[in-house]
Amino acid sequence: MMGIRITGLVALVVLALLPGHTDARSFRDFNAIPTPEALPDNAKLVEDIRFLDRELVERGVNHILGAWNRGELAPVLAEDFMDAQKLADTILTTVPRDARLSLESLGGYNVLRQYRIEDPDSGNYRVSRVAVIVRLQLTFNDPRTGYQRLPSTSEFILDIREPI
């Protein structure tokens, strides 16, 4: 996401430096509109974000892929996951029953935000929202074309919960 903004800014600067006639008198500043995200009850935003171990992020990705392969994806989706039912219906009606999704490689990841929750019932823990790039492969047997391997690259947004 950040790369797209930087690329757009660079393109704007390059276009501004090109010779040619323009009627623009000034440029307007582009300021990000702050959009606060609601935190759960008893949550406190962490000021100093802690780095997460790569193995922890990989376990999170593999947990999601395992749920997908077992046909139990709904329980691992966030409550506010957009069109969760549509995703479940699409998988049920479009994806072959013997299809398996596997992790080919884990790319870069970035901790987007962290917060702490202090709960007397479930204990204290830290939640990290992480964006991770993954290379996946979907494999299945097609009755007409035979064995199929479909690679893809995706970005997952994970909420990783750690006891503290």
C-alpha atoms as a PDB file:
ATOM      1  CA  MET A   1       0.000   0.000   0.000  1.00  0.00           C
ATOM      2  CA  MET A   2       2.791   2.430   0.897  1.00  0.00           C
ATOM      3  CA  GLY A   3       4.623   1.640  -2.355  1.00  0.00           C
ATOM      4  CA  ILE A   4       1.598   2.721  -4.361  1.00  0.00           C
ATOM      5  CA  ARG A   5       1.467   6.069  -2.604  1.00  0.00           C
ATOM      6  CA  ILE A   6       5.165   6.696  -3.129  1.00  0.00           C
ATOM      7  CA  THR A   7       4.939   5.717  -6.800  1.00  0.00           C
ATOM      8  CA  GLY A   8       1.995   8.064  -7.303  1.00  0.00           C
ATOM      9  CA  LEU A   9       3.865  10.909  -5.635  1.00  0.00           C
ATOM     10  CA  VAL A  10       6.955  10.300  -7.764  1.00  0.00           C
ATOM     11  CA  ALA A  11       4.808  10.286 -10.926  1.00  0.00           C
ATOM     12  CA  LEU A  12       3.207  13.570  -9.864  1.00  0.00           C
ATOM     13  CA  VAL A  13       6.611  15.188  -9.294  1.00  0.00           C
ATOM     14  CA  VAL A  14       7.924  13.900 -12.645  1.00  0.00           C
ATOM     15  CA  LEU A  15       4.850  15.239 -14.461  1.00  0.00           C
ATOM     16  CA  ALA A  16       5.261  18.593 -12.747  1.00  0.00           C
ATOM     17  CA  LEU A  17       8.872  18.839 -13.977  1.00  0.00           C
ATOM     18  CA  LEU A  18       8.049  18.094 -17.631  1.00  0.00           C
ATOM     19  CA  PRO A  19       8.088  21.152 -19.909  1.00  0.00           C
ATOM     20  CA  GLY A  20       4.792  22.273 -21.314  1.00  0.00           C
ATOM     21  CA  HIS A  21       2.015  24.769 -20.884  1.00  0.00           C
ATOM     22  CA  THR A  22      -0.173  24.542 -17.825  1.00  0.00           C
ATOM     23  CA  ASP A  23      -2.882  26.754 -16.446  1.00  0.00           C
ATOM     24  CA  ALA A  24      -2.507  25.543 -12.865  1.00  0.00           C
ATOM     25  CA  ARG A  25      -1.607  28.311 -10.460  1.00  0.00           C
ATOM     26  CA  SER A  26      -0.779  26.096  -7.482  1.00  0.00           C
ATOM     27  CA  PHE A  27      -0.884  22.550  -6.242  1.00  0.00           C
ATOM     28  CA  ARG A  28      -3.121  21.458  -3.459  1.00  0.00           C
ATOM     29  CA  ASP A  29      -1.543  19.529  -0.580  1.00  0.00           C
ATOM     30  CA  PHE A  30      -2.597  15.923  -0.261  1.00  0.00           C
ATOM     31  CA  ASN A  31      -3.074  15.112   3.395  1.00  0.00           C
ATOM     32  CA  ALA A  32      -4.085  11.721   4.655  1.00  0.00           C
ATOM     33  CA  ILE A  33      -7.470  11.717   6.298  1.00  0.00           C
ATOM     34  CA  PRO A  34      -7.113  10.209   9.753  1.00  0.00           C
ATOM     35  CA  THR A  35      -9.402   7.231  10.170  1.00  0.00           C
ATOM     36  CA  PRO A  36      -9.353   5.877  13.699  1.00  0.00           C
ATOM     37  CA  GLU A  37      -9.995   2.175  14.063  1.00  0.00           C
ATOM     38  CA  ALA A  38     -12.108   1.100  16.968  1.00  0.00           C
ATOM     39  CA  LEU A  39     -10.299  -0.985  19.544  1.00  0.00           C
ATOM     40  CA  PRO A  40     -11.990  -3.733  21.543  1.00  0.00           C
ATOM     41  CA  ASP A  41     -13.073  -3.083  25.130  1.00  0.00           C
ATOM     42  CA  ASN A  42     -10.190  -2.994  27.621  1.00  0.00           C
ATOM     43  CA  ALA A  43      -7.675  -2.436  24.784  1.00  0.00           C
ATOM     44  CA  LYS A  44      -4.823   0.050  24.910  1.00  0.00           C
ATOM     45  CA  LEU A  45      -2.866   0.987  21.794  1.00  0.00           C
ATOM     46  CA  VAL A  46       0.856   0.156  22.024  1.00  0.00           C
ATOM     47  CA  GLU A  47       3.104   3.118  21.281  1.00  0.00           C
ATOM     48  CA  ASP A  48       6.319   1.149  20.650  1.00  0.00           C
ATOM     49  CA  ILE A  49       5.400  -1.630  18.209  1.00  0.00           C
ATOM     50  CA  ARG A  50       7.312  -4.853  18.881  1.00  0.00           C
ATOM     51  CA  PHE A  51       8.700  -6.930  16.040  1.00  0.00           C
ATOM     52  CA  LEU A  52       7.075 -10.362  15.567  1.00  0.00           C
ATOM     53  CA  ASP A  53       9.029 -13.544  14.991  1.00  0.00           C
ATOM     54  CA  ARG A  54       8.760 -14.785  11.393  1.00  0.00           C
ATOM     55  CA  GLU A  55       7.813 -18.291  12.604  1.00  0.00           C
ATOM     56  CA  LEU A  56       4.820 -16.859  14.465  1.00  0.00           C
ATOM     57  CA  VAL A  57       3.589 -15.130  11.300  1.00  0.00           C
ATOM     58  CA  GLU A  58       4.135 -18.327   9.283  1.00  0.00           C
ATOM     59  CA  ARG A  59       2.165 -20.365  11.843  1.00  0.00           C
ATOM     60  CA  GLY A  60      -0.691 -17.866  11.483  1.00  0.00           C
ATOM     61  CA  VAL A  61      -0.696 -18.216   7.691  1.00  0.00           C
ATOM     62  CA  ASN A  62      -0.550 -22.033   7.914  1.00  0.00           C
ATOM     63  CA  HIS A  63      -3.450 -21.980  10.392  1.00  0.00           C
ATOM     64  CA  ILE A  64      -5.589 -20.152   7.825  1.00  0.00           C
ATOM     65  CA  LEU A  65      -4.527 -22.471   4.998  1.00  0.00           C
ATOM     66  CA  GLY A  66      -5.294 -25.536   7.133  1.00  0.00           C
ATOM     67  CA  ALA A  67      -8.762 -24.184   7.911  1.00  0.00           C
ATOM     68  CA  TRP A  68      -9.338 -23.548   4.188  1.00  0.00           C
ATOM     69  CA  ASN A  69      -8.257 -27.103   3.313  1.00  0.00           C
ATOM     70  CA  ARG A  70     -10.574 -28.591   5.960  1.00  0.00           C
ATOM     71  CA  GLY A  71     -13.512 -26.487   4.750  1.00  0.00           C
ATOM     72  CA  GLU A  72     -13.601 -24.629   8.070  1.00  0.00           C
ATOM     73  CA  LEU A  73     -12.569 -21.154   6.959  1.00  0.00           C
ATOM     74  CA  ALA A  74     -15.476 -19.257   8.548  1.00  0.00           C
ATOM     75  CA  PRO A  75     -14.280 -19.627  12.181  1.00  0.00           C
ATOM     76  CA  VAL A  76     -10.864 -18.094  11.419  1.00  0.00           C
ATOM     77  CA  LEU A  77     -12.225 -15.042   9.589  1.00  0.00           C
ATOM     78  CA  ALA A  78     -12.520 -11.810  11.543  1.00  0.00           C
ATOM     79  CA  GLU A  79     -15.995 -10.815  12.659  1.00  0.00           C
ATOM     80  CA  ASP A  80     -15.881  -7.753  10.398  1.00  0.00           C
ATOM     81  CA  PHE A  81     -14.506  -9.663   7.367  1.00  0.00           C
ATOM     82  CA  MET A  82     -16.182  -8.120   4.326  1.00  0.00           C
ATOM     83  CA  ASP A  83     -18.467 -10.549   2.440  1.00  0.00           C
ATOM     84  CA  ALA A  84     -17.483 -13.564   4.553  1.00  0.00           C
ATOM     85  CA  GLN A  85     -20.620 -15.463   3.537  1.00  0.00           C
ATOM     86  CA  LYS A  86     -20.038 -14.676  -0.136  1.00  0.00           C
ATOM     87  CA  LEU A  87     -16.492 -16.040   0.168  1.00  0.00           C
ATOM     88  CA  ALA A  88     -17.760 -19.241   1.788  1.00  0.00           C
ATOM     89  CA  ASP A  89     -20.417 -19.670  -0.911  1.00  0.00           C
ATOM     90  CA  THR A  90     -17.898 -19.060  -3.703  1.00  0.00           C
ATOM     91  CA  ILE A  91     -15.488 -21.631  -2.284  1.00  0.00           C
ATOM     92  CA  LEU A  92     -18.305 -24.141  -1.907  1.00  0.00           C
ATOM     93  CA  THR A  93     -19.649 -23.695  -5.446  1.00  0.00           C
ATOM     94  CA  THR A  94     -16.511 -22.887  -7.467  1.00  0.00           C
ATOM     95  CA  VAL A  95     -13.508 -24.639  -5.952  1.00  0.00           C
ATOM     96  CA  PRO A  96     -13.117 -28.392  -6.631  1.00  0.00           C
ATOM     97  CA  ARG A  97     -13.663 -30.549  -3.539  1.00  0.00           C
ATOM     98  CA  ASP A  98     -10.194 -32.120  -3.716  1.00  0.00           C
ATOM     99  CA  ALA A  99      -8.427 -28.742  -4.007  1.00  0.00           C
ATOM    100  CA  ARG A 100      -5.612 -28.066  -1.543  1.00  0.00           C
ATOM    101  CA  LEU A 101      -4.028 -24.713  -0.841  1.00  0.00           C
ATOM    102  CA  SER A 102      -0.370 -24.732   0.199  1.00  0.00           C
ATOM    103  CA  LEU A 103       2.183 -22.116   1.173  1.00  0.00           C
ATOM    104  CA  GLU A 104       5.027 -21.849  -1.333  1.00  0.00           C
ATOM    105  CA  SER A 105       6.846 -18.979   0.354  1.00  0.00           C
ATOM    106  CA  LEU A 106       6.346 -16.291   2.935  1.00  0.00           C
ATOM    107  CA  GLY A 107       7.395 -12.862   1.746  1.00  0.00           C
ATOM    108  CA  GLY A 108       7.829  -9.678   3.670  1.00  0.00           C
ATOM    109  CA  TYR A 109       5.530  -8.731   6.508  1.00  0.00           C
ATOM    110  CA  ASN A 110       4.824  -5.567   8.408  1.00  0.00           C
ATOM    111  CA  VAL A 111       3.200  -4.964  11.788  1.00  0.00           C
ATOM    112  CA  LEU A 112       0.485  -2.402  11.105  1.00  0.00           C
ATOM    113  CA  ARG A 113      -0.603  -1.860  14.716  1.00  0.00           C
ATOM    114  CA  GLN A 114      -0.526  -3.454  18.134  1.00  0.00           C
ATOM    115  CA  TYR A 115      -2.671  -3.187  21.202  1.00  0.00           C
ATOM    116  CA  ARG A 116      -2.799  -4.794  24.622  1.00  0.00           C
ATOM    117  CA  ILE A 117      -5.843  -6.235  26.289  1.00  0.00           C
ATOM    118  CA  GLU A 118      -6.047  -6.718  30.028  1.00  0.00           C
ATOM    119  CA  ASP A 119      -8.921  -9.059  30.793  1.00  0.00           C
ATOM    120  CA  PRO A 120      -9.345 -10.726  34.200  1.00  0.00           C
ATOM    121  CA  ASP A 121     -11.184 -13.667  32.583  1.00  0.00           C
ATOM    122  CA  SER A 122      -8.894 -14.502  29.642  1.00  0.00           C
ATOM    123  CA  GLY A 123      -5.647 -12.917  30.852  1.00  0.00           C
ATOM    124  CA  ASN A 124      -3.395 -10.262  29.363  1.00  0.00           C
ATOM    125  CA  TYR A 125      -2.341 -10.454  25.751  1.00  0.00           C
ATOM    126  CA  ARG A 126      -1.010  -8.437  22.835  1.00  0.00           C
ATOM    127  CA  VAL A 127      -2.762  -8.353  19.469  1.00  0.00           C
ATOM    128  CA  SER A 128      -0.693  -7.484  16.400  1.00  0.00           C
ATOM    129  CA  ARG A 129      -2.280  -6.671  13.052  1.00  0.00           C
ATOM    130  CA  VAL A 130       0.174  -7.893  10.422  1.00  0.00           C
ATOM    131  CA  ALA A 131       0.204  -7.562   6.632  1.00  0.00           C
ATOM    132  CA  VAL A 132       2.098 -10.428   4.980  1.00  0.00           C
ATOM    133  CA  ILE A 133       2.779 -11.293   1.331  1.00  0.00           C
ATOM    134  CA  VAL A 134       2.414 -15.008   0.566  1.00  0.00           C
ATOM    135  CA  ARG A 135       3.003 -17.140  -2.514  1.00  0.00           C
ATOM    136  CA  LEU A 136       0.386 -19.864  -2.602  1.00  0.00           C
ATOM    137  CA  GLN A 137      -0.373 -22.822  -4.795  1.00  0.00           C
ATOM    138  CA  LEU A 138      -3.774 -24.386  -5.353  1.00  0.00           C
ATOM    139  CA  THR A 139      -3.619 -28.017  -6.498  1.00  0.00           C
ATOM    140  CA  PHE A 140      -6.498 -30.194  -7.645  1.00  0.00           C
ATOM    141  CA  ASN A 141      -7.471 -32.858 -10.155  1.00  0.00           C
ATOM    142  CA  ASP A 142      -9.615 -31.668 -13.046  1.00  0.00           C
ATOM    143  CA  PRO A 143     -11.601 -34.451 -14.776  1.00  0.00           C
ATOM    144  CA  ARG A 144     -10.971 -32.888 -18.212  1.00  0.00           C
ATOM    145  CA  THR A 145      -7.443 -31.508 -17.976  1.00  0.00           C
ATOM    146  CA  GLY A 146      -5.879 -33.621 -15.218  1.00  0.00           C
ATOM    147  CA  TYR A 147      -3.692 -32.481 -12.353  1.00  0.00           C
ATOM    148  CA  GLN A 148      -3.643 -28.684 -11.964  1.00  0.00           C
ATOM    149  CA  ARG A 149      -1.277 -26.397 -10.056  1.00  0.00           C
ATOM    150  CA  LEU A 150      -2.277 -22.754  -9.862  1.00  0.00           C
ATOM    151  CA  PRO A 151       0.239 -20.410  -8.222  1.00  0.00           C
ATOM    152  CA  SER A 152      -0.747 -17.003  -6.878  1.00  0.00           C
ATOM    153  CA  THR A 153       0.540 -14.162  -4.738  1.00  0.00           C
ATOM    154  CA  SER A 154      -1.703 -12.674  -2.072  1.00  0.00           C
ATOM    155  CA  GLU A 155      -1.599 -10.341   0.876  1.00  0.00           C
ATOM    156  CA  PHE A 156      -3.054 -11.585   4.146  1.00  0.00           C
ATOM    157  CA  ILE A 157      -3.982  -9.301   7.013  1.00  0.00           C
ATOM    158  CA  LEU A 158      -3.663 -11.270  10.246  1.00  0.00           C
ATOM    159  CA  ASP A 159      -4.513 -10.478  13.836  1.00  0.00           C
ATOM    160  CA  ILE A 160      -2.013 -12.433  15.922  1.00  0.00           C
ATOM    161  CA  ARG A 161      -2.800 -12.784  19.614  1.00  0.00           C
ATOM    162  CA  GLU A 162       0.049 -13.485  22.065  1.00  0.00           C
ATOM    163  CA  PRO A 163      -0.187 -13.947  25.839  1.00  0.00           C
ATOM    164  CA  ILE A 164       1.950 -11.512  27.856  1.00  0.00           C
END
